[in-house]
Amino acid sequence: MSAKDTVRRNKTAILETLCGDQKLILNKVHEKKLITQREYNNLKSINREDVEGHVIALVDKIMDKGEDTCRDFLNLLQTDEDVKTTFPDLKNIQKNDTCLLPLPVQATRLDNSDGPSQESKRRKEDDQYQLNSHPVGLCVIINNENFTDGRVRRGTDKDARSLAEVFSWLGFRVLMCKDQTRDQMDRALKVFASLDDVSQLQEFNVEEWSGSGFTGLREAPKHGDAFICCVLSHGSLGVVSGTDCEHLSIKQMTTTFKATDHSALTGKPKVFLIQACQGKDRQPGVLSPDLQADNSESKFIPQEADFLVAIATVEDYVSVRHEIDGSWFIQSVCQQLKEGCPRGEDTVTILHRVNSKVSQKEGCRNLGKAKQMPEVRFTLRKKLVLSPHHN
């Protein structure tokens, strides 16, 4: 049985026991780095007067952070001397649940020795991008709705709002540029890539997500440990359109953020979500039959490393957008992030599920006549795991 399931099954007993000294367990969880400084501050100051409410919030936070954190939490409850002394009733929980600590050797994971616990921590850090900044980073949305040829992309504001809600929930500061020409998109992305002169952002009418809507920019943006760029527009093969109907290549957009010796985003994940057609054809459906390198490490990384680009559709085909409900692709991305991030899933895994969900949708009443297949490509060197941040 997984550690998360064990915590869930024993949640009531754990809560009743830990209410004996809520501050001690909060400090211990923070000391063992099971929660971040920001999460610690939020849990310490939540607007709940009763001790039980504080403990519930703490345990829920541990469960939200996934399997590894739940396992470390169980180890803490059973191996820390202060915890065992303060909460003697934890012994009764362990007697009643022999799976509470599945592997006895893990009793040393949280001590100060340079044994399995330190090695496991190093492996995790090597395998996963470390997102420790607050906010996690910037999420920039380019939202093109009104075009000079008279076309209006109705439903795009629904996509922009959904993206703002989910990435704000994931700890990002969300900014939006509305109705940008081709050159404005190009220049805006260059400003966001460097942030050398943020006064230039005034040209692009940048707005900031406030939790309920977009308002004026509050303060100068700064880069964190990750960057998200969402482009909502028309497009064709390999390009997206500005409101002046001129094209900017997706390759040029990503190249703007390539690694350099001076970039604040070098070595950090950069995700591009592109909601735009990649051609004029409608994609039909078909019946599915099954409804040499050395080991030395270099301090250098390739310029094109650490990118993830997810496009609403494969080349040559249109993508589907509902005038009220938003686009198939963006709405699916937001929904799958909401479901997968609390489980600790990495972004590539989540986007695999997006591909599956979108591919199952039907664009007309005649089955198989109008389908859509998103495309995901990446040069990520590690897993990108985004976690909910409760403000």
Protein backbone atom coordinates (compact mmCIF):
# COMPACT_ATOMS: atom_id res chain seq x y z
CA MET A 1 0.00 0.00 0.00
CA SER A 2 1.27 3.47 -0.84
CA ALA A 3 2.31 5.93 1.86
CA LYS A 4 -0.41 8.35 0.73
CA ASP A 5 -3.08 5.67 1.12
CA THR A 6 -1.71 4.86 4.56
CA VAL A 7 -1.98 8.48 5.65
CA ARG A 8 -5.50 8.68 4.23
CA ARG A 9 -6.63 5.49 5.99
CA ASN A 10 -5.22 6.64 9.34
CA LYS A 11 -6.06 10.31 8.90
CA THR A 12 -8.62 10.56 11.70
CA ALA A 13 -6.35 8.89 14.27
CA ILE A 14 -3.35 10.97 13.16
CA LEU A 15 -5.34 14.20 13.44
CA GLU A 16 -6.64 13.37 16.92
CA THR A 17 -3.12 12.59 18.11
CA LEU A 18 -1.31 15.57 16.58
CA CYS A 19 -3.84 18.04 18.00
CA GLY A 20 -1.96 17.55 21.30
CA ASP A 21 0.75 19.97 20.11
CA GLN A 22 -0.02 21.49 16.72
CA LYS A 23 2.92 23.90 16.77
CA LEU A 24 5.49 21.16 17.42
CA ILE A 25 4.42 19.02 14.45
CA LEU A 26 4.28 22.06 12.18
CA ASN A 27 7.81 23.07 13.17
CA LYS A 28 9.06 19.49 12.78
CA VAL A 29 7.58 19.16 9.28
CA HIS A 30 9.20 22.47 8.34
CA GLU A 31 12.52 21.47 9.93
CA LYS A 32 12.62 18.27 7.87
CA LYS A 33 11.85 20.32 4.73
CA LEU A 34 8.63 18.50 3.97
CA ILE A 35 7.06 21.91 3.33
CA THR A 36 8.54 25.12 1.97
CA GLN A 37 9.04 28.34 3.91
CA ARG A 38 6.06 29.86 2.15
CA GLU A 39 3.85 26.89 2.97
CA TYR A 40 5.02 27.04 6.59
CA ASN A 41 4.12 30.73 6.83
CA ASN A 42 0.72 30.12 5.26
CA LEU A 43 -0.07 27.20 7.57
CA LYS A 44 1.05 29.17 10.61
CA SER A 45 -1.20 32.10 9.77
CA ILE A 46 -4.33 30.48 8.32
CA ASN A 47 -7.56 32.02 9.53
CA ARG A 48 -8.69 29.16 11.76
CA GLU A 49 -9.03 29.50 15.52
CA ASP A 50 -9.27 25.81 16.48
CA VAL A 51 -6.23 23.57 16.72
CA GLU A 52 -7.93 20.79 14.75
CA GLY A 53 -8.39 23.09 11.75
CA HIS A 54 -4.66 23.86 11.70
CA VAL A 55 -3.72 20.18 11.88
CA ILE A 56 -6.19 19.25 9.14
CA ALA A 57 -4.66 21.91 6.89
CA LEU A 58 -1.16 20.56 7.59
CA VAL A 59 -2.03 16.91 6.87
CA ASP A 60 -3.96 17.90 3.73
CA LYS A 61 -0.90 19.83 2.55
CA ILE A 62 1.32 16.77 3.12
CA MET A 63 -1.08 14.59 1.11
CA ASP A 64 -1.27 17.16 -1.70
CA LYS A 65 2.53 17.02 -2.09
CA GLY A 66 2.48 13.37 -3.15
CA GLU A 67 3.85 9.95 -2.34
CA ASP A 68 7.43 10.84 -1.34
CA THR A 69 6.33 13.56 1.10
CA CYS A 70 3.74 11.24 2.67
CA ARG A 71 6.40 8.57 3.14
CA ASP A 72 8.78 11.06 4.78
CA PHE A 73 5.92 12.28 6.99
CA LEU A 74 5.25 8.72 8.21
CA ASN A 75 8.95 8.28 8.91
CA LEU A 76 8.95 11.51 10.90
CA LEU A 77 6.02 10.35 13.04
CA GLN A 78 7.80 7.11 13.93
CA THR A 79 11.49 7.99 14.11
CA ASP A 80 11.77 11.50 15.55
CA GLU A 81 12.39 11.31 19.30
CA ASP A 82 10.62 14.59 20.11
CA VAL A 83 7.57 13.49 18.15
CA LYS A 84 7.47 10.07 19.79
CA THR A 85 7.79 11.61 23.24
CA THR A 86 5.16 14.28 22.65
CA PHE A 87 2.67 12.00 20.90
CA PRO A 88 2.89 8.57 22.64
CA ASP A 89 -0.47 7.57 21.14
CA LEU A 90 1.25 7.24 17.75
CA LYS A 91 2.38 3.80 18.99
CA ASN A 92 -1.23 2.68 19.07
CA ILE A 93 -1.72 3.74 15.46
CA GLN A 94 1.33 1.74 14.45
CA LYS A 95 0.12 -1.35 16.30
CA ASN A 96 -3.24 -1.16 14.54
CA ASP A 97 -1.70 -0.64 11.11
CA THR A 98 1.30 -2.81 10.31
CA CYS A 99 1.71 -0.99 6.98
CA LEU A 100 2.33 2.38 8.59
CA LEU A 101 6.06 2.02 7.98
CA PRO A 102 6.43 -0.58 5.21
CA LEU A 103 10.24 -0.69 5.22
CA PRO A 104 11.86 -0.68 8.69
CA VAL A 105 15.25 0.31 7.27
CA GLN A 106 13.79 3.70 6.42
CA ALA A 107 13.88 4.63 10.10
CA THR A 108 17.25 6.26 9.41
CA ARG A 109 16.11 8.32 6.43
CA LEU A 110 15.58 11.50 8.40
CA ASP A 111 18.68 11.45 10.54
CA ASN A 112 21.83 13.46 9.85
CA SER A 113 23.93 10.62 8.47
CA ASP A 114 25.09 10.63 4.88
CA GLY A 115 23.33 7.32 4.25
CA PRO A 116 20.33 6.28 2.17
CA SER A 117 18.28 9.38 3.07
CA GLN A 118 20.88 11.83 1.75
CA GLU A 119 21.52 9.72 -1.32
CA SER A 120 17.80 9.48 -2.02
CA LYS A 121 17.45 13.24 -1.67
CA ARG A 122 20.34 13.83 -4.05
CA ARG A 123 18.83 11.47 -6.62
CA LYS A 124 15.53 13.30 -6.43
CA GLU A 125 17.23 16.68 -6.89
CA ASP A 126 19.20 15.34 -9.85
CA ASP A 127 16.04 13.89 -11.43
CA GLN A 128 13.66 16.80 -10.88
CA TYR A 129 13.79 20.56 -11.46
CA GLN A 130 13.96 22.34 -8.11
CA LEU A 131 11.19 24.95 -7.90
CA ASN A 132 11.92 26.83 -4.68
CA SER A 133 11.38 30.47 -5.65
CA HIS A 134 8.29 32.43 -4.60
CA PRO A 135 6.51 32.92 -6.85
CA VAL A 136 7.63 29.85 -8.79
CA GLY A 137 8.05 32.02 -11.88
CA LEU A 138 6.19 34.00 -14.52
CA CYS A 139 3.31 32.75 -16.62
CA VAL A 140 2.87 35.04 -19.64
CA ILE A 141 -0.32 34.78 -21.69
CA ILE A 142 -0.53 36.35 -25.16
CA ASN A 143 -4.25 36.49 -25.85
CA ASN A 144 -5.18 37.55 -29.39
CA GLU A 145 -8.91 37.99 -29.86
CA ASN A 146 -9.56 40.82 -32.34
CA PHE A 147 -7.82 40.79 -35.74
CA THR A 148 -7.47 43.57 -38.31
CA ASP A 149 -9.22 41.47 -40.97
CA GLY A 150 -12.38 41.46 -38.85
CA ARG A 151 -12.03 37.98 -37.37
CA VAL A 152 -12.80 37.58 -33.66
CA ARG A 153 -11.56 34.56 -31.68
CA ARG A 154 -14.59 34.22 -29.42
CA GLY A 155 -13.96 31.99 -26.40
CA THR A 156 -10.28 32.93 -26.06
CA ASP A 157 -10.94 34.94 -22.88
CA LYS A 158 -12.31 31.75 -21.32
CA ASP A 159 -9.00 30.03 -22.10
CA ALA A 160 -6.98 32.95 -20.71
CA ARG A 161 -8.96 32.97 -17.49
CA SER A 162 -8.66 29.18 -17.06
CA LEU A 163 -4.90 29.37 -17.58
CA ALA A 164 -4.58 32.26 -15.11
CA GLU A 165 -6.54 30.40 -12.46
CA VAL A 166 -4.59 27.15 -12.74
CA PHE A 167 -1.09 28.64 -12.98
CA SER A 168 -1.79 31.08 -10.16
CA TRP A 169 -2.89 28.05 -8.12
CA LEU A 170 0.43 26.42 -9.04
CA GLY A 171 2.37 29.36 -7.60
CA PHE A 172 3.09 31.42 -10.72
CA ARG A 173 2.65 35.15 -11.18
CA VAL A 174 0.36 35.42 -14.21
CA LEU A 175 0.66 38.30 -16.71
CA MET A 176 -1.32 38.85 -19.92
CA CYS A 177 -0.75 40.84 -23.13
CA LYS A 178 -3.99 41.28 -25.09
CA ASP A 179 -4.31 41.70 -28.88
CA GLN A 180 -0.68 41.89 -30.00
CA THR A 181 0.60 42.33 -33.53
CA ARG A 182 3.34 40.08 -34.87
CA ASP A 183 6.10 42.58 -34.01
CA GLN A 184 4.59 43.28 -30.58
CA MET A 185 4.59 39.57 -29.77
CA ASP A 186 8.21 39.29 -30.84
CA ARG A 187 9.34 42.34 -28.87
CA ALA A 188 7.29 41.46 -25.79
CA LEU A 189 8.82 37.98 -25.61
CA LYS A 190 12.32 39.47 -25.91
CA VAL A 191 11.58 41.83 -23.01
CA PHE A 192 10.23 38.97 -20.90
CA ALA A 193 13.26 36.82 -21.75
CA SER A 194 15.76 39.38 -20.46
CA LEU A 195 13.75 41.66 -18.13
CA ASP A 196 16.62 44.14 -18.53
CA ASP A 197 14.28 47.10 -19.03
CA VAL A 198 10.79 46.30 -17.73
CA SER A 199 9.64 49.85 -18.52
CA GLN A 200 9.30 48.62 -22.12
CA LEU A 201 6.37 46.47 -21.01
CA GLN A 202 4.17 49.57 -20.97
CA GLU A 203 3.95 49.32 -24.75
CA PHE A 204 2.25 45.94 -24.52
CA ASN A 205 -0.49 46.88 -22.02
CA VAL A 206 0.51 44.11 -19.63
CA GLU A 207 -2.16 43.09 -17.15
CA GLU A 208 -1.81 40.92 -14.05
CA TRP A 209 -4.11 38.23 -12.66
CA SER A 210 -5.48 39.33 -9.29
CA GLY A 211 -7.36 36.16 -8.36
CA SER A 212 -10.69 37.24 -9.80
CA GLY A 213 -9.68 39.07 -12.97
CA PHE A 214 -6.93 40.89 -14.83
CA THR A 215 -5.88 44.31 -13.55
CA GLY A 216 -2.97 46.71 -14.07
CA LEU A 217 0.61 45.52 -13.52
CA ARG A 218 1.38 45.90 -9.81
CA GLU A 219 5.17 45.73 -9.76
CA ALA A 220 8.11 44.90 -12.00
CA PRO A 221 8.17 41.20 -12.94
CA LYS A 222 11.09 38.98 -11.98
CA HIS A 223 12.05 35.50 -13.12
CA GLY A 224 11.82 32.53 -10.79
CA ASP A 225 12.68 28.86 -11.22
CA ALA A 226 10.40 28.21 -14.23
CA PHE A 227 8.75 30.10 -17.08
CA ILE A 228 5.40 29.47 -18.77
CA CYS A 229 4.33 31.09 -22.05
CA CYS A 230 0.80 30.58 -23.37
CA VAL A 231 -0.06 31.87 -26.85
CA LEU A 232 -3.74 31.98 -27.85
CA SER A 233 -4.16 33.03 -31.48
CA HIS A 234 -4.76 32.00 -35.07
CA GLY A 235 -1.93 30.20 -36.83
CA SER A 236 -0.72 27.99 -39.63
CA LEU A 237 2.11 25.53 -40.14
CA GLY A 238 4.86 26.34 -37.61
CA VAL A 239 3.63 29.87 -36.91
CA VAL A 240 1.17 31.89 -34.84
CA SER A 241 -0.55 35.05 -36.07
CA GLY A 242 -0.43 38.54 -34.64
CA THR A 243 -3.60 40.61 -34.72
CA ASP A 244 -2.25 42.22 -37.91
CA CYS A 245 -2.38 38.72 -39.52
CA GLU A 246 1.43 38.62 -39.82
CA HIS A 247 3.15 35.43 -38.70
CA LEU A 248 5.70 34.74 -35.96
CA SER A 249 7.34 31.32 -36.03
CA ILE A 250 7.09 29.10 -32.97
CA LYS A 251 10.79 28.33 -33.42
CA GLN A 252 11.66 32.03 -33.17
CA MET A 253 9.57 32.35 -30.03
CA THR A 254 11.40 29.54 -28.24
CA THR A 255 14.81 30.61 -29.55
CA THR A 256 14.30 33.95 -27.77
CA PHE A 257 14.60 32.04 -24.49
CA LYS A 258 17.51 29.74 -25.35
CA ALA A 259 20.24 29.33 -22.73
CA THR A 260 23.03 31.91 -22.53
CA ASP A 261 25.70 32.70 -19.99
CA HIS A 262 23.68 35.67 -18.74
CA SER A 263 20.06 34.49 -18.94
CA ALA A 264 18.20 34.14 -15.64
CA LEU A 265 16.37 31.15 -17.17
CA THR A 266 19.42 29.11 -18.18
CA GLY A 267 19.04 25.57 -16.84
CA LYS A 268 15.42 26.24 -15.85
CA PRO A 269 12.30 24.75 -17.49
CA LYS A 270 10.52 26.86 -20.11
CA VAL A 271 7.06 25.66 -21.15
CA PHE A 272 5.18 26.91 -24.24
CA LEU A 273 1.49 26.13 -24.66
CA ILE A 274 0.31 27.07 -28.17
CA GLN A 275 -3.40 27.25 -28.93
CA ALA A 276 -3.43 27.91 -32.66
CA CYS A 277 -4.30 26.09 -35.87
CA GLN A 278 -1.36 24.57 -37.75
CA GLY A 279 -3.10 24.35 -41.13
CA LYS A 280 -6.51 24.50 -42.79
CA ASP A 281 -7.44 20.83 -43.02
CA ARG A 282 -9.88 19.16 -40.70
CA GLN A 283 -8.44 16.03 -39.14
CA PRO A 284 -10.52 12.90 -39.73
CA GLY A 285 -10.65 9.93 -37.42
CA VAL A 286 -10.04 6.24 -38.07
CA LEU A 287 -11.09 3.18 -36.13
CA SER A 288 -8.55 2.02 -33.55
CA PRO A 289 -7.90 -1.74 -33.49
CA ASP A 290 -7.32 -1.77 -29.74
CA LEU A 291 -10.06 0.76 -28.35
CA GLN A 292 27.32 5.92 -27.39
CA ALA A 293 28.10 8.51 -24.55
CA ASP A 294 30.51 8.39 -21.62
CA ASN A 295 29.48 8.71 -17.97
CA SER A 296 31.28 11.95 -17.25
CA GLU A 297 29.14 14.98 -16.40
CA SER A 298 29.72 18.35 -18.02
CA LYS A 299 29.06 21.72 -16.45
CA PHE A 300 27.76 22.91 -19.82
CA ILE A 301 24.23 22.39 -21.17
CA PRO A 302 22.96 22.75 -24.75
CA GLN A 303 21.40 26.09 -25.66
CA GLU A 304 18.17 24.36 -26.67
CA ALA A 305 17.84 22.39 -23.41
CA ASP A 306 14.99 22.65 -20.89
CA PHE A 307 12.13 23.44 -23.29
CA LEU A 308 8.68 21.93 -23.47
CA VAL A 309 6.41 22.96 -26.35
CA ALA A 310 2.83 21.70 -26.46
CA ILE A 311 0.77 22.67 -29.51
CA ALA A 312 -2.97 22.27 -29.82
CA THR A 313 -2.71 20.23 -33.02
CA VAL A 314 -0.24 18.49 -35.29
CA GLU A 315 0.87 20.28 -38.46
CA ASP A 316 -1.52 20.94 -41.35
CA TYR A 317 -4.68 20.78 -39.25
CA VAL A 318 -7.07 23.17 -37.53
CA SER A 319 -7.72 23.18 -33.79
CA VAL A 320 -11.15 23.40 -32.20
CA ARG A 321 -12.31 26.34 -30.06
CA HIS A 322 -15.81 26.76 -28.61
CA GLU A 323 -17.06 30.35 -28.60
CA ILE A 324 -18.25 30.07 -24.99
CA ASP A 325 -16.44 27.13 -23.40
CA GLY A 326 -12.97 27.81 -24.82
CA SER A 327 -10.67 25.49 -26.77
CA TRP A 328 -10.44 21.73 -26.46
CA PHE A 329 -6.69 21.88 -25.88
CA ILE A 330 -6.36 24.66 -23.30
CA GLN A 331 -9.39 23.54 -21.30
CA SER A 332 -8.02 19.99 -21.21
CA VAL A 333 -4.55 21.23 -20.15
CA CYS A 334 -6.07 23.19 -17.26
CA GLN A 335 -8.28 20.30 -16.15
CA GLN A 336 -5.48 17.74 -16.25
CA LEU A 337 -3.12 20.06 -14.34
CA LYS A 338 -5.78 20.41 -11.63
CA GLU A 339 -6.08 16.66 -11.37
CA GLY A 340 -2.47 15.58 -11.84
CA CYS A 341 -0.44 18.19 -9.94
CA PRO A 342 -1.86 17.34 -6.48
CA ARG A 343 -0.89 13.72 -7.19
CA GLY A 344 2.72 14.75 -7.82
CA GLU A 345 2.66 13.86 -11.53
CA ASP A 346 5.24 15.44 -13.80
CA THR A 347 4.17 17.77 -16.60
CA VAL A 348 5.02 15.40 -19.46
CA THR A 349 2.84 12.68 -17.92
CA ILE A 350 0.00 15.18 -17.56
CA LEU A 351 0.35 16.28 -21.19
CA HIS A 352 0.25 12.65 -22.31
CA ARG A 353 -3.17 12.51 -20.68
CA VAL A 354 -4.15 15.76 -22.42
CA ASN A 355 -3.26 14.13 -25.75
CA SER A 356 -5.46 11.17 -24.88
CA LYS A 357 -8.43 13.27 -23.72
CA VAL A 358 -8.38 15.64 -26.70
CA SER A 359 -7.97 12.78 -29.17
CA GLN A 360 -11.21 11.26 -27.87
CA LYS A 361 -13.31 14.38 -28.56
CA GLU A 362 -15.64 14.65 -31.56
CA GLY A 363 -15.97 17.88 -33.52
CA CYS A 364 -19.29 17.08 -35.18
CA ARG A 365 -22.27 14.78 -34.90
CA ASN A 366 -20.86 12.29 -37.40
CA LEU A 367 -18.36 10.22 -35.44
CA GLY A 368 -14.79 10.36 -36.72
CA LYS A 369 -15.37 13.28 -39.10
CA ALA A 370 -13.58 15.99 -37.08
CA LYS A 371 -10.83 15.05 -34.65
CA GLN A 372 -7.84 16.79 -33.05
CA MET A 373 -4.42 15.49 -32.01
CA PRO A 374 -2.17 17.79 -29.93
CA GLU A 375 1.60 17.52 -30.24
CA VAL A 376 4.12 17.67 -27.40
CA ARG A 377 7.88 17.93 -27.87
CA PHE A 378 10.49 18.65 -25.25
CA THR A 379 14.17 18.92 -24.41
CA LEU A 380 13.62 18.80 -20.66
CA ARG A 381 16.58 17.22 -18.86
CA LYS A 382 14.63 16.50 -15.68
CA LYS A 383 11.08 15.94 -14.52
CA LEU A 384 9.00 19.10 -14.17
CA VAL A 385 6.65 18.67 -11.22
CA LEU A 386 4.36 21.63 -10.43
CA SER A 387 2.65 21.73 -7.03
CA PRO A 388 -0.39 23.67 -5.81
CA HIS A 389 0.39 26.76 -3.70
CA HIS A 390 -2.35 27.76 -1.29
CA ASN A 391 -2.16 31.46 -0.50
